[in-house]
Amino acid sequence: MGGAVSAGEDNDELIDNLKEAQYIRTDLVEQAFRAIDRADYYLEEFKDNAYKDLAWKHGNIHLSAPCIYSEVMEALDLQPGLSFLNLGSGTGYLSSMVGLILGPFGVNHGVELHSDVIEYAKQKLDFFIKTSDSFDKFEFCEPSFVTGNCLEISPDCTQYDRVYCGAGVQKEHEDYMKNLLKVGGILVMPLEEKLTKITRTGPSAWETKKILAVSFAPLIQPNHADSGKSRLVHLPPVAVRSLQDLARIAIRGTIKKIIHQETLSKNGNGLKNPPRFKRRRVRRRRMETIVFLDKEVFASRISNPSDDNNNSEDIEDERREEEESKPSELKPDPPVNFLREKVLSLPLPDPLKYYLLYYREK
């Protein structure tokens, strides 16, 4: 399913395509998508399909299409410090992107039905923290995952600022989902085959907006045949940060400010023209039909018919741009993790340096 935008050769090109098609519209969402490589959440033998705008499912492991995740991220209107609940958290890909925006003082919880998927999500989260080149650009709200059916959440659980459900919700469960929200909170879920945004404007007041036609596999109903009673899901407690964690956050923040000031002083006002790099021209594809895979989510946006008539003009423009930019093209320098270099240069014991770097392996 999916297929609303062209496939990319890598993660950045996929994000370029989503931006061009207006699925990604804000800087915060773009930064989160670029920071986490979608292919890292695929099994090795399926990575060739990672940058296509398609859903992927293997056993219990599932990823929605990139166009769906981008619409969800935009609709959630995420801000630092908010609390987030992901119902059907799956691989943790979406929860990790959300955590980059929430920052260290947010809350990031997920509920997943399958225990094997929870283990997979924890492995992918650990891999991201320890090896990602982009991790040090953010202060991360690490997600916590619990196993259980999201329709059996304990009634005494805390309410959240933002809630997303990754499975089709029937009308009979709409109020249950709404009650997970704080006043002022936003709930995004597939409701009656429409990706729907619900904002809680008061104790009993709601605003509803239909975003996109979708088709999700429905929520799995609780099965009480074995015990005859429900198995309540208890969400992680909202814990206060330890003094050790607060110190790490403060030190990393201070080092980042120093690096920023040094960069500004080295580059003057910081407005010097950067070297020009050739950028691939992105074209939208016309979508006339939808293909369903495993009842997974679909989405389509019909491109302007005039796009097809402009192909020859696009090719000619692209050729001209390449000729004009040839003399000034420069190869980018390999990325440097300045925060890591600064931390490793500090006069501190090695274990403390590694703690400040979240025990990064690189």
Foldseek 3Di string as FASTA:
>chain_A
DAQAFAFDPFQLRLLVGCVVVVLADDPLLSLLSVQDGQLLLDDPVPSVCRRGQQWDDDPPAIDHGPSVLSNQVVLQPAAAQFEEEEEQCFLVSSQFSSFQHNAQNYHGEYEHADPVRVVNNVVSLVCSLQAGPRNLVGRGHRYDYDHDAPLQADPPAAAGQEYEYQAEDEPVCPVVQVVSHDQQHWYWYHYPQFGKIWHRPDPPDIDIDTDFGKWGHHRDDDDCPPPVDDDHDYIDDSDDDDPVVVVLVVVSVVQVVVVVVVVCVVVPNPPDDDQDADDDDTDTDADDDWDQDPRGIYGYDGDDPCSVVCPVVVVVVSVVVCVVCVVRHDDDDPDDDVSLVVLVPDPDDPVVSCVSSVVHPD
